[in-house]
Amino acid sequence: MIIIILFFFSLIFAVIYLIAKLLKRGERKRKKRYTDNFVELLSTNDLEKYFKIPEEYRCNPFLNDPHGDIFFADKRNVEKVRNNTI
């Protein structure tokens, strides 16, 4: 009886482990896709705002924010957040 219970617990643990592993892999792929093609994921309003930022201050907003907020596309804003001056 104990062997059967241990078997089911190990089976449940294995399933949970595999699900967690698949979810983590999906997150990694999704983040890579966002960082490689972030311009395609922005709306036209966001693109206009993005191109209003001077070129030397532009950066990929998905590197600093998982949702790609345009606020994080400006290196000056990112530095303010990192230095806690906002």
N, C-alpha and C. Protein backbone atom coordinates (compact mmCIF):
# COMPACT_ATOMS: atom_id res chain seq x y z
N MET A 1 0.82 -1.20 0.00
CA MET A 1 0.00 0.00 0.00
C MET A 1 0.86 1.26 0.00
N ILE A 2 1.89 1.27 0.83
CA ILE A 2 2.78 2.44 0.92
C ILE A 2 3.52 2.64 -0.40
N ILE A 3 3.88 1.55 -1.05
CA ILE A 3 4.59 1.65 -2.33
C ILE A 3 3.68 2.30 -3.38
N ILE A 4 2.42 1.98 -3.37
CA ILE A 4 1.48 2.57 -4.32
C ILE A 4 1.33 4.07 -4.06
N ILE A 5 1.22 4.45 -2.79
CA ILE A 5 1.09 5.87 -2.44
C ILE A 5 2.34 6.63 -2.85
N LEU A 6 3.52 6.08 -2.57
CA LEU A 6 4.77 6.72 -2.98
C LEU A 6 4.87 6.84 -4.49
N PHE A 7 4.41 5.83 -5.20
CA PHE A 7 4.43 5.87 -6.65
C PHE A 7 3.56 7.02 -7.17
N PHE A 8 2.37 7.18 -6.62
CA PHE A 8 1.48 8.25 -7.08
C PHE A 8 2.04 9.63 -6.73
N PHE A 9 2.65 9.76 -5.54
CA PHE A 9 3.27 11.04 -5.18
C PHE A 9 4.42 11.38 -6.12
N SER A 10 5.23 10.40 -6.46
CA SER A 10 6.34 10.65 -7.38
C SER A 10 5.82 10.97 -8.78
N LEU A 11 4.74 10.35 -9.18
CA LEU A 11 4.13 10.63 -10.48
C LEU A 11 3.59 12.06 -10.52
N ILE A 12 2.91 12.46 -9.46
CA ILE A 12 2.39 13.83 -9.39
C ILE A 12 3.54 14.83 -9.40
N PHE A 13 4.59 14.57 -8.65
CA PHE A 13 5.76 15.46 -8.62
C PHE A 13 6.39 15.57 -10.01
N ALA A 14 6.51 14.46 -10.72
CA ALA A 14 7.10 14.47 -12.06
C ALA A 14 6.25 15.31 -13.03
N VAL A 15 4.95 15.19 -12.94
CA VAL A 15 4.06 15.96 -13.82
C VAL A 15 4.19 17.45 -13.52
N ILE A 16 4.20 17.82 -12.24
CA ILE A 16 4.34 19.23 -11.86
C ILE A 16 5.68 19.77 -12.34
N TYR A 17 6.74 18.99 -12.19
CA TYR A 17 8.06 19.40 -12.64
C TYR A 17 8.09 19.64 -14.15
N LEU A 18 7.50 18.74 -14.91
CA LEU A 18 7.48 18.89 -16.38
C LEU A 18 6.66 20.10 -16.81
N ILE A 19 5.54 20.34 -16.15
CA ILE A 19 4.72 21.51 -16.48
C ILE A 19 5.50 22.79 -16.20
N ALA A 20 6.17 22.85 -15.06
CA ALA A 20 6.96 24.04 -14.71
C ALA A 20 8.07 24.26 -15.72
N LYS A 21 8.69 23.18 -16.14
CA LYS A 21 9.78 23.28 -17.11
C LYS A 21 9.26 23.80 -18.46
N LEU A 22 8.11 23.32 -18.89
CA LEU A 22 7.53 23.78 -20.15
C LEU A 22 7.13 25.25 -20.07
N LEU A 23 6.56 25.66 -18.95
CA LEU A 23 6.18 27.06 -18.79
C LEU A 23 7.41 27.97 -18.81
N LYS A 24 8.47 27.53 -18.17
CA LYS A 24 9.70 28.33 -18.14
C LYS A 24 10.28 28.44 -19.55
N ARG A 25 10.25 27.36 -20.31
CA ARG A 25 10.75 27.39 -21.68
C ARG A 25 9.93 28.35 -22.53
N GLY A 26 8.60 28.35 -22.34
CA GLY A 26 7.73 29.25 -23.07
C GLY A 26 8.02 30.71 -22.74
N GLU A 27 8.29 31.00 -21.46
CA GLU A 27 8.65 32.37 -21.07
C GLU A 27 9.93 32.81 -21.75
N ARG A 28 10.90 31.93 -21.78
CA ARG A 28 12.19 32.25 -22.39
C ARG A 28 12.02 32.54 -23.88
N LYS A 29 11.25 31.73 -24.56
CA LYS A 29 11.03 31.94 -26.00
C LYS A 29 10.26 33.24 -26.24
N ARG A 30 9.24 33.49 -25.41
CA ARG A 30 8.43 34.68 -25.58
C ARG A 30 9.28 35.94 -25.36
N LYS A 31 10.12 35.93 -24.34
CA LYS A 31 10.96 37.09 -24.08
C LYS A 31 11.94 37.31 -25.22
N LYS A 32 12.53 36.23 -25.74
CA LYS A 32 13.47 36.37 -26.85
C LYS A 32 12.76 36.95 -28.07
N ARG A 33 11.55 36.49 -28.34
CA ARG A 33 10.81 37.00 -29.49
C ARG A 33 10.52 38.48 -29.31
N TYR A 34 10.17 38.90 -28.11
CA TYR A 34 9.90 40.31 -27.86
C TYR A 34 11.15 41.16 -28.05
N THR A 35 12.27 40.70 -27.56
CA THR A 35 13.48 41.51 -27.65
C THR A 35 14.00 41.56 -29.08
N ASP A 36 13.76 40.55 -29.88
CA ASP A 36 14.25 40.56 -31.25
C ASP A 36 13.36 41.40 -32.18
N ASN A 37 12.06 41.38 -31.96
CA ASN A 37 11.12 42.02 -32.88
C ASN A 37 10.23 43.02 -32.17
N PHE A 38 10.78 43.81 -31.27
CA PHE A 38 9.92 44.64 -30.44
C PHE A 38 9.19 45.71 -31.23
N VAL A 39 9.74 46.17 -32.33
CA VAL A 39 9.09 47.23 -33.10
C VAL A 39 7.78 46.73 -33.69
N GLU A 40 7.71 45.45 -34.07
CA GLU A 40 6.50 44.89 -34.65
C GLU A 40 5.38 44.78 -33.62
N LEU A 41 5.70 44.75 -32.33
CA LEU A 41 4.69 44.56 -31.31
C LEU A 41 4.13 45.87 -30.78
N LEU A 42 4.69 47.00 -31.17
CA LEU A 42 4.23 48.29 -30.69
C LEU A 42 3.12 48.83 -31.58
N SER A 43 2.17 49.54 -30.98
CA SER A 43 1.10 50.14 -31.78
C SER A 43 1.65 51.33 -32.56
N THR A 44 0.86 51.86 -33.47
CA THR A 44 1.34 52.99 -34.28
C THR A 44 1.56 54.22 -33.42
N ASN A 45 0.73 54.44 -32.40
CA ASN A 45 0.95 55.57 -31.49
C ASN A 45 2.27 55.42 -30.76
N ASP A 46 2.55 54.20 -30.32
CA ASP A 46 3.80 53.95 -29.62
C ASP A 46 4.99 54.12 -30.55
N LEU A 47 4.83 53.72 -31.80
CA LEU A 47 5.93 53.90 -32.75
C LEU A 47 6.22 55.38 -32.97
N GLU A 48 5.18 56.19 -33.05
CA GLU A 48 5.39 57.64 -33.21
C GLU A 48 6.14 58.20 -32.00
N LYS A 49 5.74 57.77 -30.81
CA LYS A 49 6.43 58.22 -29.60
C LYS A 49 7.87 57.72 -29.59
N TYR A 50 8.06 56.48 -30.04
CA TYR A 50 9.41 55.89 -30.05
C TYR A 50 10.33 56.69 -30.97
N PHE A 51 9.86 57.07 -32.14
CA PHE A 51 10.71 57.78 -33.08
C PHE A 51 10.87 59.26 -32.74
N LYS A 52 10.09 59.77 -31.79
CA LYS A 52 10.30 61.13 -31.31
C LYS A 52 11.47 61.20 -30.33
N ILE A 53 11.85 60.07 -29.77
CA ILE A 53 13.01 60.02 -28.87
C ILE A 53 14.27 60.17 -29.72
N PRO A 54 15.20 61.05 -29.31
CA PRO A 54 16.44 61.18 -30.08
C PRO A 54 17.15 59.83 -30.21
N GLU A 55 17.74 59.61 -31.36
CA GLU A 55 18.31 58.29 -31.66
C GLU A 55 19.35 57.83 -30.65
N GLU A 56 20.15 58.75 -30.13
CA GLU A 56 21.20 58.34 -29.19
C GLU A 56 20.63 57.89 -27.84
N TYR A 57 19.36 58.21 -27.56
CA TYR A 57 18.74 57.82 -26.30
C TYR A 57 17.77 56.64 -26.44
N ARG A 58 17.56 56.13 -27.64
CA ARG A 58 16.63 55.03 -27.84
C ARG A 58 17.24 53.71 -27.38
N CYS A 59 16.39 52.87 -26.82
CA CYS A 59 16.80 51.50 -26.49
C CYS A 59 15.56 50.60 -26.59
N ASN A 60 15.78 49.33 -26.50
CA ASN A 60 14.70 48.35 -26.60
C ASN A 60 13.88 48.38 -25.30
N PRO A 61 12.61 48.78 -25.35
CA PRO A 61 11.82 48.85 -24.11
C PRO A 61 11.55 47.50 -23.47
N PHE A 62 11.61 46.42 -24.24
CA PHE A 62 11.34 45.09 -23.69
C PHE A 62 12.49 44.56 -22.85
N LEU A 63 13.66 45.18 -22.93
CA LEU A 63 14.77 44.76 -22.09
C LEU A 63 14.57 45.21 -20.65
N ASN A 64 13.82 46.29 -20.44
CA ASN A 64 13.64 46.85 -19.11
C ASN A 64 12.24 46.65 -18.56
N ASP A 65 11.28 46.37 -19.42
CA ASP A 65 9.90 46.20 -19.00
C ASP A 65 9.28 45.06 -19.82
N PRO A 66 8.70 44.06 -19.17
CA PRO A 66 8.15 42.94 -19.94
C PRO A 66 7.00 43.32 -20.87
N HIS A 67 6.35 44.45 -20.61
CA HIS A 67 5.23 44.87 -21.45
C HIS A 67 5.67 45.84 -22.54
N GLY A 68 6.91 46.28 -22.53
CA GLY A 68 7.41 47.15 -23.58
C GLY A 68 6.88 48.57 -23.51
N ASP A 69 6.67 49.08 -22.30
CA ASP A 69 6.18 50.44 -22.13
C ASP A 69 7.17 51.42 -22.76
N ILE A 70 6.65 52.39 -23.53
CA ILE A 70 7.49 53.35 -24.25
C ILE A 70 8.34 54.19 -23.29
N PHE A 71 7.89 54.36 -22.06
CA PHE A 71 8.67 55.08 -21.07
C PHE A 71 10.07 54.48 -20.95
N PHE A 72 10.18 53.16 -21.06
CA PHE A 72 11.46 52.48 -20.92
C PHE A 72 12.25 52.41 -22.23
N ALA A 73 11.76 53.03 -23.29
CA ALA A 73 12.50 53.08 -24.56
C ALA A 73 13.50 54.23 -24.56
N ASP A 74 13.44 55.08 -23.56
CA ASP A 74 14.35 56.22 -23.46
C ASP A 74 15.39 55.93 -22.37
N LYS A 75 16.66 55.92 -22.75
CA LYS A 75 17.73 55.59 -21.81
C LYS A 75 17.76 56.56 -20.63
N ARG A 76 17.35 57.80 -20.84
CA ARG A 76 17.34 58.78 -19.75
C ARG A 76 16.33 58.37 -18.68
N ASN A 77 15.17 57.87 -19.10
CA ASN A 77 14.17 57.42 -18.13
C ASN A 77 14.64 56.17 -17.39
N VAL A 78 15.29 55.27 -18.12
CA VAL A 78 15.79 54.05 -17.49
C VAL A 78 16.82 54.40 -16.43
N GLU A 79 17.71 55.34 -16.72
CA GLU A 79 18.71 55.75 -15.73
C GLU A 79 18.05 56.39 -14.52
N LYS A 80 17.01 57.19 -14.71
CA LYS A 80 16.30 57.79 -13.59
C LYS A 80 15.69 56.73 -12.70
N VAL A 81 15.11 55.70 -13.31
CA VAL A 81 14.49 54.62 -12.52
C VAL A 81 15.57 53.84 -11.78
N ARG A 82 16.68 53.56 -12.44
CA ARG A 82 17.75 52.81 -11.77
C ARG A 82 18.36 53.59 -10.61
N ASN A 83 18.42 54.91 -10.74
CA ASN A 83 18.99 55.74 -9.68
C ASN A 83 17.95 56.18 -8.66
N ASN A 84 16.71 55.75 -8.85
CA ASN A 84 15.59 56.08 -7.95
C ASN A 84 15.41 57.58 -7.81
N THR A 85 15.53 58.31 -8.89
CA THR A 85 15.32 59.75 -8.85
C THR A 85 13.93 60.16 -9.29
N ILE A 86 13.10 59.19 -9.63
CA ILE A 86 11.72 59.52 -10.02
C ILE A 86 10.81 59.31 -8.82
